[in-house]
Amino acid sequence: MPPPLRPFPIPIHVGTDICQISRIYAILNSPRRSRFIHRVLAPEEVAQHGTRLCGDIPVEEARSDRDGIGAGKGDVKASALWKTAAFLAGRFAAKEAVIKAHPYRRLTLHDVVVERMPGRHEDRLGSGPPVARIKAGNGDARGADGEGDVSALISISHDGDYATAFCVAHDPSRSMD
């Protein structure tokens, strides 16, 4: 019989998720566009990115295609709608990764706001790396010090038809031994 397994010594949780961009593209290319955007993004995210997401992006001619990708005029992946789909797929994957990294919480997509971390790496990349702000609410979102929103480290990546995200989060219910 193997020896008992010791718990991981650092009080963290990780979460990851992957999202197919063409799936989001098909949703954005349908009458469900606005409903989907408002389901995934918190109100402050819609306010910040609203014109990019809900504005004058035309429904692509690919709408009449059976699979929605590849048979329309021009390069679909260069279209504004595809870029919006890639952005939303990354945000969706990030929020799902954050939810998975916080199993002791009952988070929803609107409880997680993906923001840019101000003041770090701005000169090198033009904008800071993303960070997840987890809203305080229902008494369980308080940090260890009892103060409001908490943050979690995230990474978002896009490759081909996929967006993926990873989250590392502190588990306040466990202490370091």
N, C-alpha and C. Protein backbone atom coordinates (compact mmCIF):
# COMPACT_ATOMS: atom_id res chain seq x y z
N MET A 1 0.85 -1.18 0.00
CA MET A 1 0.00 0.00 0.00
C MET A 1 0.90 1.24 0.00
N PRO A 2 0.62 2.21 -0.87
CA PRO A 2 1.46 3.41 -0.93
C PRO A 2 1.28 4.27 0.32
N PRO A 3 2.29 5.07 0.64
CA PRO A 3 2.16 5.95 1.81
C PRO A 3 1.07 6.99 1.56
N PRO A 4 0.52 7.57 2.63
CA PRO A 4 -0.53 8.58 2.46
C PRO A 4 0.00 9.79 1.69
N LEU A 5 -0.85 10.39 0.93
CA LEU A 5 -0.50 11.54 0.12
C LEU A 5 -0.56 12.81 0.97
N ARG A 6 0.53 13.56 0.98
CA ARG A 6 0.54 14.84 1.71
C ARG A 6 -0.12 15.92 0.86
N PRO A 7 -0.83 16.85 1.47
CA PRO A 7 -1.44 17.93 0.69
C PRO A 7 -0.37 18.85 0.10
N PHE A 8 -0.72 19.49 -1.00
CA PHE A 8 0.17 20.47 -1.62
C PHE A 8 0.45 21.57 -0.60
N PRO A 9 1.71 21.98 -0.41
CA PRO A 9 2.06 22.86 0.70
C PRO A 9 1.66 24.33 0.55
N ILE A 10 1.35 24.77 -0.65
CA ILE A 10 1.02 26.19 -0.86
C ILE A 10 -0.49 26.31 -1.07
N PRO A 11 -1.15 27.24 -0.37
CA PRO A 11 -2.61 27.34 -0.45
C PRO A 11 -3.09 28.04 -1.72
N ILE A 12 -2.99 27.34 -2.84
CA ILE A 12 -3.45 27.91 -4.11
C ILE A 12 -4.37 26.92 -4.83
N HIS A 13 -5.14 27.47 -5.72
CA HIS A 13 -5.94 26.68 -6.66
C HIS A 13 -5.60 27.18 -8.05
N VAL A 14 -5.72 26.30 -9.03
CA VAL A 14 -5.53 26.70 -10.42
C VAL A 14 -6.79 26.34 -11.20
N GLY A 15 -7.02 27.08 -12.27
CA GLY A 15 -8.13 26.79 -13.15
C GLY A 15 -7.70 27.08 -14.57
N THR A 16 -8.24 26.34 -15.51
CA THR A 16 -7.94 26.57 -16.92
C THR A 16 -9.19 26.33 -17.74
N ASP A 17 -9.26 26.96 -18.91
CA ASP A 17 -10.38 26.75 -19.80
C ASP A 17 -9.94 27.05 -21.22
N ILE A 18 -10.63 26.46 -22.18
CA ILE A 18 -10.36 26.69 -23.59
C ILE A 18 -11.70 26.95 -24.27
N CYS A 19 -11.70 27.84 -25.25
CA CYS A 19 -12.93 28.22 -25.94
C CYS A 19 -12.66 28.29 -27.44
N GLN A 20 -13.54 27.73 -28.23
CA GLN A 20 -13.39 27.75 -29.68
C GLN A 20 -13.93 29.07 -30.24
N ILE A 21 -13.06 29.83 -30.89
CA ILE A 21 -13.43 31.15 -31.39
C ILE A 21 -14.54 31.06 -32.44
N SER A 22 -14.50 30.05 -33.30
CA SER A 22 -15.53 29.94 -34.34
C SER A 22 -16.92 29.72 -33.74
N ARG A 23 -16.98 29.10 -32.59
CA ARG A 23 -18.26 28.91 -31.91
C ARG A 23 -18.82 30.26 -31.45
N ILE A 24 -17.95 31.11 -30.90
CA ILE A 24 -18.37 32.45 -30.48
C ILE A 24 -18.72 33.28 -31.70
N TYR A 25 -17.95 33.14 -32.77
CA TYR A 25 -18.21 33.85 -34.02
C TYR A 25 -19.62 33.53 -34.52
N ALA A 26 -19.99 32.26 -34.50
CA ALA A 26 -21.32 31.86 -34.96
C ALA A 26 -22.41 32.49 -34.09
N ILE A 27 -22.19 32.58 -32.80
CA ILE A 27 -23.17 33.21 -31.90
C ILE A 27 -23.28 34.69 -32.21
N LEU A 28 -22.13 35.35 -32.41
CA LEU A 28 -22.14 36.78 -32.72
C LEU A 28 -22.75 37.06 -34.09
N ASN A 29 -22.75 36.07 -34.94
CA ASN A 29 -23.29 36.19 -36.29
C ASN A 29 -24.77 35.81 -36.32
N SER A 30 -25.41 35.84 -35.17
CA SER A 30 -26.81 35.45 -35.06
C SER A 30 -27.58 36.50 -34.27
N PRO A 31 -28.88 36.36 -34.20
CA PRO A 31 -29.68 37.30 -33.41
C PRO A 31 -29.38 37.23 -31.91
N ARG A 32 -28.64 36.21 -31.47
CA ARG A 32 -28.32 36.05 -30.04
C ARG A 32 -27.13 36.90 -29.59
N ARG A 33 -26.54 37.68 -30.50
CA ARG A 33 -25.32 38.44 -30.21
C ARG A 33 -25.42 39.24 -28.91
N SER A 34 -26.38 40.13 -28.82
CA SER A 34 -26.49 41.01 -27.65
C SER A 34 -26.73 40.22 -26.37
N ARG A 35 -27.59 39.23 -26.44
CA ARG A 35 -27.87 38.41 -25.25
C ARG A 35 -26.61 37.70 -24.76
N PHE A 36 -25.83 37.15 -25.68
CA PHE A 36 -24.60 36.46 -25.31
C PHE A 36 -23.59 37.42 -24.68
N ILE A 37 -23.40 38.57 -25.30
CA ILE A 37 -22.45 39.56 -24.77
C ILE A 37 -22.83 39.95 -23.35
N HIS A 38 -24.11 40.21 -23.12
CA HIS A 38 -24.55 40.62 -21.78
C HIS A 38 -24.54 39.47 -20.77
N ARG A 39 -24.58 38.23 -21.25
CA ARG A 39 -24.48 37.08 -20.35
C ARG A 39 -23.04 36.86 -19.90
N VAL A 40 -22.09 37.09 -20.80
CA VAL A 40 -20.68 36.83 -20.50
C VAL A 40 -20.02 37.98 -19.75
N LEU A 41 -20.25 39.20 -20.20
CA LEU A 41 -19.56 40.35 -19.63
C LEU A 41 -20.36 41.02 -18.52
N ALA A 42 -19.65 41.48 -17.50
CA ALA A 42 -20.26 42.25 -16.42
C ALA A 42 -20.64 43.63 -16.98
N PRO A 43 -21.59 44.32 -16.36
CA PRO A 43 -22.02 45.62 -16.88
C PRO A 43 -20.87 46.61 -17.10
N GLU A 44 -19.89 46.64 -16.21
CA GLU A 44 -18.77 47.57 -16.39
C GLU A 44 -17.89 47.19 -17.58
N GLU A 45 -17.83 45.90 -17.90
CA GLU A 45 -17.08 45.47 -19.09
C GLU A 45 -17.83 45.84 -20.36
N VAL A 46 -19.15 45.71 -20.34
CA VAL A 46 -19.95 46.12 -21.49
C VAL A 46 -19.79 47.62 -21.70
N ALA A 47 -19.81 48.39 -20.61
CA ALA A 47 -19.64 49.84 -20.72
C ALA A 47 -18.27 50.20 -21.29
N GLN A 48 -17.24 49.48 -20.88
CA GLN A 48 -15.88 49.78 -21.34
C GLN A 48 -15.67 49.37 -22.80
N HIS A 49 -16.20 48.22 -23.19
CA HIS A 49 -15.95 47.67 -24.52
C HIS A 49 -17.19 47.71 -25.41
N GLY A 50 -18.24 48.40 -24.98
CA GLY A 50 -19.53 48.34 -25.65
C GLY A 50 -19.54 48.62 -27.13
N THR A 51 -18.91 49.71 -27.57
CA THR A 51 -18.96 50.03 -28.99
C THR A 51 -18.22 48.99 -29.82
N ARG A 52 -17.17 48.42 -29.25
CA ARG A 52 -16.43 47.38 -29.94
C ARG A 52 -17.27 46.11 -30.08
N LEU A 53 -18.12 45.84 -29.10
CA LEU A 53 -18.85 44.58 -29.06
C LEU A 53 -20.26 44.66 -29.64
N CYS A 54 -20.93 45.75 -29.41
CA CYS A 54 -22.33 45.85 -29.80
C CYS A 54 -22.56 46.88 -30.89
N GLY A 55 -21.50 47.54 -31.30
CA GLY A 55 -21.63 48.66 -32.22
C GLY A 55 -21.99 48.28 -33.63
N ASP A 56 -21.35 48.93 -34.56
CA ASP A 56 -21.70 48.81 -35.97
C ASP A 56 -20.96 47.69 -36.68
N ILE A 57 -20.75 46.57 -36.01
CA ILE A 57 -20.12 45.43 -36.68
C ILE A 57 -21.22 44.72 -37.46
N PRO A 58 -21.11 44.71 -38.79
CA PRO A 58 -22.19 44.08 -39.56
C PRO A 58 -22.19 42.57 -39.39
N VAL A 59 -23.35 42.00 -39.52
CA VAL A 59 -23.44 40.55 -39.53
C VAL A 59 -22.82 40.11 -40.85
N GLU A 60 -21.84 39.23 -40.76
CA GLU A 60 -21.04 38.84 -41.92
C GLU A 60 -21.86 38.05 -42.93
N GLU A 61 -21.39 38.07 -44.17
CA GLU A 61 -22.03 37.27 -45.21
C GLU A 61 -21.88 35.78 -44.93
N ALA A 62 -20.95 35.42 -44.08
CA ALA A 62 -20.76 34.00 -43.73
C ALA A 62 -21.99 33.44 -43.03
N ARG A 63 -22.90 34.31 -42.63
CA ARG A 63 -24.11 33.87 -41.95
C ARG A 63 -24.88 32.84 -42.78
N SER A 64 -24.83 32.98 -44.09
CA SER A 64 -25.56 32.05 -44.94
C SER A 64 -24.81 30.74 -45.15
N ASP A 65 -23.54 30.69 -44.74
CA ASP A 65 -22.76 29.46 -44.86
C ASP A 65 -23.28 28.43 -43.87
N ARG A 66 -23.13 27.16 -44.23
CA ARG A 66 -23.58 26.10 -43.33
C ARG A 66 -22.81 26.09 -42.02
N ASP A 67 -21.48 26.24 -42.10
CA ASP A 67 -20.68 26.18 -40.88
C ASP A 67 -20.31 27.57 -40.37
N GLY A 68 -20.63 28.62 -41.11
CA GLY A 68 -20.35 29.98 -40.65
C GLY A 68 -18.93 30.42 -40.84
N ILE A 69 -18.02 29.56 -41.25
CA ILE A 69 -16.62 29.92 -41.38
C ILE A 69 -16.10 29.44 -42.73
N GLY A 70 -15.34 30.30 -43.38
CA GLY A 70 -14.54 29.85 -44.51
C GLY A 70 -15.11 30.01 -45.89
N ALA A 71 -16.42 30.05 -46.08
CA ALA A 71 -16.95 30.09 -47.43
C ALA A 71 -17.46 31.47 -47.83
N GLY A 72 -17.36 32.45 -46.96
CA GLY A 72 -17.83 33.79 -47.27
C GLY A 72 -16.81 34.56 -48.08
N LYS A 73 -17.15 35.80 -48.42
CA LYS A 73 -16.22 36.63 -49.17
C LYS A 73 -15.10 37.10 -48.26
N GLY A 74 -13.88 37.09 -48.77
CA GLY A 74 -12.76 37.60 -48.00
C GLY A 74 -12.32 36.64 -46.91
N ASP A 75 -11.36 37.10 -46.14
CA ASP A 75 -10.81 36.29 -45.05
C ASP A 75 -11.60 36.57 -43.78
N VAL A 76 -12.35 35.60 -43.33
CA VAL A 76 -13.19 35.76 -42.14
C VAL A 76 -12.34 36.12 -40.93
N LYS A 77 -11.16 35.51 -40.81
CA LYS A 77 -10.34 35.74 -39.63
C LYS A 77 -9.73 37.13 -39.58
N ALA A 78 -9.84 37.89 -40.66
CA ALA A 78 -9.37 39.28 -40.67
C ALA A 78 -10.52 40.25 -40.40
N SER A 79 -11.74 39.74 -40.28
CA SER A 79 -12.90 40.61 -40.12
C SER A 79 -13.00 41.15 -38.70
N ALA A 80 -13.72 42.25 -38.58
CA ALA A 80 -13.96 42.85 -37.26
C ALA A 80 -14.75 41.90 -36.37
N LEU A 81 -15.68 41.17 -36.96
CA LEU A 81 -16.49 40.25 -36.17
C LEU A 81 -15.65 39.10 -35.61
N TRP A 82 -14.68 38.60 -36.40
CA TRP A 82 -13.80 37.54 -35.91
C TRP A 82 -12.93 38.06 -34.76
N LYS A 83 -12.42 39.28 -34.89
CA LYS A 83 -11.60 39.86 -33.82
C LYS A 83 -12.42 40.04 -32.54
N THR A 84 -13.67 40.43 -32.70
CA THR A 84 -14.55 40.54 -31.54
C THR A 84 -14.80 39.16 -30.93
N ALA A 85 -15.00 38.16 -31.79
CA ALA A 85 -15.21 36.79 -31.30
C ALA A 85 -13.97 36.29 -30.55
N ALA A 86 -12.78 36.59 -31.06
CA ALA A 86 -11.54 36.18 -30.38
C ALA A 86 -11.44 36.86 -29.02
N PHE A 87 -11.77 38.14 -28.95
CA PHE A 87 -11.74 38.88 -27.69
C PHE A 87 -12.71 38.24 -26.68
N LEU A 88 -13.94 37.99 -27.12
CA LEU A 88 -14.94 37.41 -26.22
C LEU A 88 -14.60 35.98 -25.82
N ALA A 89 -14.02 35.21 -26.74
CA ALA A 89 -13.61 33.84 -26.40
C ALA A 89 -12.54 33.87 -25.32
N GLY A 90 -11.60 34.80 -25.42
CA GLY A 90 -10.57 34.94 -24.39
C GLY A 90 -11.15 35.34 -23.05
N ARG A 91 -12.09 36.28 -23.06
CA ARG A 91 -12.73 36.71 -21.82
C ARG A 91 -13.55 35.57 -21.21
N PHE A 92 -14.28 34.84 -22.05
CA PHE A 92 -15.08 33.72 -21.55
C PHE A 92 -14.18 32.66 -20.92
N ALA A 93 -13.09 32.31 -21.61
CA ALA A 93 -12.16 31.30 -21.08
C ALA A 93 -11.55 31.79 -19.77
N ALA A 94 -11.20 33.07 -19.69
CA ALA A 94 -10.60 33.62 -18.46
C ALA A 94 -11.58 33.53 -17.30
N LYS A 95 -12.82 33.91 -17.53
CA LYS A 95 -13.81 33.87 -16.46
C LYS A 95 -14.08 32.44 -16.00
N GLU A 96 -14.16 31.51 -16.93
CA GLU A 96 -14.35 30.10 -16.56
C GLU A 96 -13.15 29.58 -15.78
N ALA A 97 -11.94 29.98 -16.16
CA ALA A 97 -10.74 29.56 -15.42
C ALA A 97 -10.76 30.11 -14.00
N VAL A 98 -11.19 31.36 -13.84
CA VAL A 98 -11.28 31.97 -12.51
C VAL A 98 -12.32 31.22 -11.66
N ILE A 99 -13.44 30.90 -12.24
CA ILE A 99 -14.49 30.17 -11.51
C ILE A 99 -13.96 28.81 -11.06
N LYS A 100 -13.22 28.12 -11.92
CA LYS A 100 -12.65 26.82 -11.58
C LYS A 100 -11.57 26.93 -10.50
N ALA A 101 -10.85 28.05 -10.47
CA ALA A 101 -9.79 28.24 -9.48
C ALA A 101 -10.33 28.66 -8.12
N HIS A 102 -11.62 28.90 -8.03
CA HIS A 102 -12.26 29.29 -6.77
C HIS A 102 -13.40 28.33 -6.44
N PRO A 103 -13.09 27.05 -6.20
CA PRO A 103 -14.16 26.07 -5.98
C PRO A 103 -14.92 26.29 -4.67
N TYR A 104 -14.36 27.05 -3.77
CA TYR A 104 -15.01 27.30 -2.48
C TYR A 104 -15.97 28.49 -2.58
N ARG A 105 -16.09 29.10 -3.74
CA ARG A 105 -16.97 30.25 -3.97
C ARG A 105 -18.05 29.86 -4.98
N ARG A 106 -19.14 30.55 -4.94
CA ARG A 106 -20.19 30.35 -5.95
C ARG A 106 -20.17 31.55 -6.89
N LEU A 107 -19.20 31.57 -7.77
CA LEU A 107 -19.02 32.69 -8.67
C LEU A 107 -19.85 32.52 -9.94
N THR A 108 -20.25 33.64 -10.51
CA THR A 108 -20.89 33.67 -11.82
C THR A 108 -19.99 34.46 -12.76
N LEU A 109 -20.32 34.45 -14.03
CA LEU A 109 -19.53 35.21 -15.00
C LEU A 109 -19.53 36.70 -14.68
N HIS A 110 -20.61 37.20 -14.11
CA HIS A 110 -20.68 38.63 -13.77
C HIS A 110 -19.92 38.98 -12.50
N ASP A 111 -19.54 37.99 -11.70
CA ASP A 111 -18.74 38.24 -10.50
C ASP A 111 -17.27 38.46 -10.83
N VAL A 112 -16.87 38.13 -12.05
CA VAL A 112 -15.47 38.22 -12.47
C VAL A 112 -15.35 39.31 -13.53
N VAL A 113 -14.45 40.25 -13.29
CA VAL A 113 -14.19 41.32 -14.26
C VAL A 113 -12.73 41.21 -14.68
N VAL A 114 -12.50 41.07 -15.97
CA VAL A 114 -11.14 40.98 -16.49
C VAL A 114 -10.69 42.39 -16.84
N GLU A 115 -9.58 42.81 -16.23
CA GLU A 115 -9.06 44.16 -16.40
C GLU A 115 -7.58 44.08 -16.76
N ARG A 116 -7.04 45.21 -17.12
CA ARG A 116 -5.60 45.32 -17.31
C ARG A 116 -5.00 45.80 -16.00
N MET A 117 -3.88 45.19 -15.60
CA MET A 117 -3.20 45.58 -14.38
C MET A 117 -2.42 46.87 -14.68
N PRO A 118 -2.79 47.97 -14.07
CA PRO A 118 -2.13 49.23 -14.37
C PRO A 118 -0.70 49.29 -13.82
N GLY A 119 0.15 50.00 -14.55
CA GLY A 119 1.48 50.31 -14.04
C GLY A 119 2.54 49.25 -14.21
N ARG A 120 2.23 48.09 -14.77
CA ARG A 120 3.23 47.05 -14.93
C ARG A 120 3.33 46.65 -16.39
N HIS A 121 4.51 46.61 -16.92
CA HIS A 121 4.79 46.16 -18.28
C HIS A 121 4.17 47.04 -19.35
N GLU A 122 3.70 48.24 -19.00
CA GLU A 122 3.03 49.07 -19.98
C GLU A 122 3.98 49.55 -21.07
N ASP A 123 5.22 49.86 -20.72
CA ASP A 123 6.16 50.34 -21.72
C ASP A 123 6.51 49.25 -22.72
N ARG A 124 6.66 48.04 -22.25
CA ARG A 124 7.09 46.94 -23.10
C ARG A 124 5.99 46.45 -24.03
N LEU A 125 4.78 46.31 -23.53
CA LEU A 125 3.71 45.70 -24.31
C LEU A 125 2.62 46.67 -24.75
N GLY A 126 2.63 47.87 -24.26
CA GLY A 126 1.58 48.81 -24.63
C GLY A 126 0.39 48.79 -23.69
N SER A 127 0.22 47.74 -22.94
CA SER A 127 -0.83 47.67 -21.93
C SER A 127 -0.40 46.65 -20.89
N GLY A 128 -0.97 46.75 -19.72
CA GLY A 128 -0.59 45.84 -18.65
C GLY A 128 -1.17 44.45 -18.86
N PRO A 129 -0.65 43.46 -18.15
CA PRO A 129 -1.19 42.10 -18.26
C PRO A 129 -2.59 42.04 -17.64
N PRO A 130 -3.40 41.07 -18.05
CA PRO A 130 -4.74 40.99 -17.49
C PRO A 130 -4.72 40.49 -16.05
N VAL A 131 -5.71 40.90 -15.31
CA VAL A 131 -5.93 40.44 -13.95
C VAL A 131 -7.44 40.28 -13.77
N ALA A 132 -7.83 39.33 -12.96
CA ALA A 132 -9.26 39.14 -12.69
C ALA A 132 -9.60 39.82 -11.37
N ARG A 133 -10.60 40.68 -11.41
CA ARG A 133 -11.14 41.27 -10.19
C ARG A 133 -12.40 40.50 -9.85
N ILE A 134 -12.41 39.92 -8.65
CA ILE A 134 -13.55 39.14 -8.20
C ILE A 134 -14.34 40.02 -7.24
N LYS A 135 -15.55 40.32 -7.64
CA LYS A 135 -16.37 41.26 -6.88
C LYS A 135 -16.76 40.70 -5.52
N ALA A 136 -16.78 41.59 -4.55
CA ALA A 136 -17.27 41.24 -3.22
C ALA A 136 -18.79 41.12 -3.30
N GLY A 137 -19.33 40.16 -2.59
CA GLY A 137 -20.78 40.01 -2.59
C GLY A 137 -21.20 38.83 -1.75
N ASN A 138 -22.39 38.89 -1.24
CA ASN A 138 -22.97 37.82 -0.44
C ASN A 138 -22.10 37.43 0.76
N GLY A 139 -21.24 38.32 1.19
CA GLY A 139 -20.42 38.06 2.36
C GLY A 139 -19.28 37.10 2.16
N ASP A 140 -19.21 36.41 1.01
CA ASP A 140 -18.15 35.42 0.84
C ASP A 140 -17.03 35.90 -0.07
N ALA A 141 -17.12 37.10 -0.58
CA ALA A 141 -16.08 37.59 -1.49
C ALA A 141 -15.06 38.45 -0.78
N ARG A 142 -15.14 38.54 0.50
CA ARG A 142 -14.21 39.37 1.26
C ARG A 142 -12.84 38.73 1.32
N GLY A 143 -11.85 39.57 1.25
CA GLY A 143 -10.49 39.08 1.40
C GLY A 143 -10.23 38.69 2.84
N ALA A 144 -9.02 38.22 3.11
CA ALA A 144 -8.66 37.79 4.47
C ALA A 144 -8.77 38.95 5.45
N ASP A 145 -8.57 40.18 4.96
CA ASP A 145 -8.63 41.34 5.84
C ASP A 145 -10.04 41.92 5.93
N GLY A 146 -11.03 41.28 5.30
CA GLY A 146 -12.40 41.75 5.37
C GLY A 146 -12.72 42.85 4.37
N GLU A 147 -11.77 43.21 3.52
CA GLU A 147 -11.98 44.27 2.54
C GLU A 147 -12.58 43.70 1.27
N GLY A 148 -13.14 44.54 0.44
CA GLY A 148 -13.89 44.23 -0.77
C GLY A 148 -13.30 43.27 -1.77
N ASP A 149 -13.27 43.71 -3.03
CA ASP A 149 -12.89 42.86 -4.14
C ASP A 149 -11.48 42.28 -3.98
N VAL A 150 -11.29 41.09 -4.54
CA VAL A 150 -9.97 40.45 -4.52
C VAL A 150 -9.54 40.20 -5.97
N SER A 151 -8.24 39.99 -6.14
CA SER A 151 -7.72 39.75 -7.49
C SER A 151 -7.19 38.33 -7.61
N ALA A 152 -7.11 37.88 -8.84
CA ALA A 152 -6.50 36.59 -9.15
C ALA A 152 -5.66 36.78 -10.41
N LEU A 153 -4.54 36.09 -10.46
CA LEU A 153 -3.65 36.19 -11.62
C LEU A 153 -4.19 35.33 -12.75
N ILE A 154 -4.23 35.89 -13.95
CA ILE A 154 -4.70 35.14 -15.11
C ILE A 154 -3.76 35.35 -16.29
N SER A 155 -3.83 34.44 -17.21
CA SER A 155 -3.13 34.55 -18.49
C SER A 155 -4.11 34.12 -19.57
N ILE A 156 -4.18 34.90 -20.65
CA ILE A 156 -5.07 34.59 -21.77
C ILE A 156 -4.20 34.46 -23.01
N SER A 157 -4.47 33.43 -23.82
CA SER A 157 -3.70 33.22 -25.04
C SER A 157 -4.64 32.80 -26.17
N HIS A 158 -4.29 33.20 -27.38
CA HIS A 158 -5.05 32.85 -28.57
C HIS A 158 -4.13 32.15 -29.56
N ASP A 159 -4.63 31.08 -30.18
CA ASP A 159 -3.88 30.40 -31.23
C ASP A 159 -4.87 29.74 -32.18
N GLY A 160 -4.79 30.13 -33.44
CA GLY A 160 -5.69 29.55 -34.43
C GLY A 160 -7.14 29.80 -34.07
N ASP A 161 -7.90 28.74 -33.93
CA ASP A 161 -9.33 28.83 -33.65
C ASP A 161 -9.65 28.72 -32.16
N TYR A 162 -8.65 28.88 -31.30
CA TYR A 162 -8.89 28.69 -29.87
C TYR A 162 -8.33 29.83 -29.03
N ALA A 163 -9.04 30.09 -27.94
CA ALA A 163 -8.56 30.99 -26.89
C ALA A 163 -8.49 30.14 -25.63
N THR A 164 -7.44 30.32 -24.87
CA THR A 164 -7.29 29.57 -23.63
C THR A 164 -6.90 30.53 -22.51
N ALA A 165 -7.22 30.15 -21.29
CA ALA A 165 -6.88 30.99 -20.15
C ALA A 165 -6.52 30.11 -18.96
N PHE A 166 -5.72 30.68 -18.09
CA PHE A 166 -5.23 29.99 -16.90
C PHE A 166 -5.33 30.96 -15.73
N CYS A 167 -5.70 30.47 -14.57
CA CYS A 167 -5.83 31.31 -13.37
C CYS A 167 -5.14 30.65 -12.19
N VAL A 168 -4.42 31.46 -11.43
CA VAL A 168 -3.83 31.03 -10.16
C VAL A 168 -4.48 31.88 -9.08
N ALA A 169 -5.03 31.22 -8.07
CA ALA A 169 -5.76 31.94 -7.03
C ALA A 169 -5.38 31.44 -5.64
N HIS A 170 -5.42 32.34 -4.69
CA HIS A 170 -5.16 32.02 -3.29
C HIS A 170 -6.39 31.36 -2.68
N ASP A 171 -6.15 30.35 -1.86
CA ASP A 171 -7.23 29.69 -1.14
C ASP A 171 -7.16 30.12 0.32
N PRO A 172 -8.00 31.06 0.74
CA PRO A 172 -7.92 31.56 2.12
C PRO A 172 -8.36 30.54 3.16
N SER A 173 -8.99 29.45 2.74
CA SER A 173 -9.45 28.45 3.71
C SER A 173 -8.31 27.55 4.18
N ARG A 174 -7.17 27.59 3.46
CA ARG A 174 -6.01 26.78 3.85
C ARG A 174 -4.88 27.70 4.28
N SER A 175 -4.15 27.30 5.27
CA SER A 175 -2.99 28.08 5.69
C SER A 175 -1.73 27.32 5.34
N MET A 176 -0.64 28.06 5.18
CA MET A 176 0.64 27.41 4.90
C MET A 176 1.17 26.80 6.19
N ASP A 177 1.60 25.55 6.10
CA ASP A 177 2.11 24.87 7.30
C ASP A 177 3.57 25.14 7.51
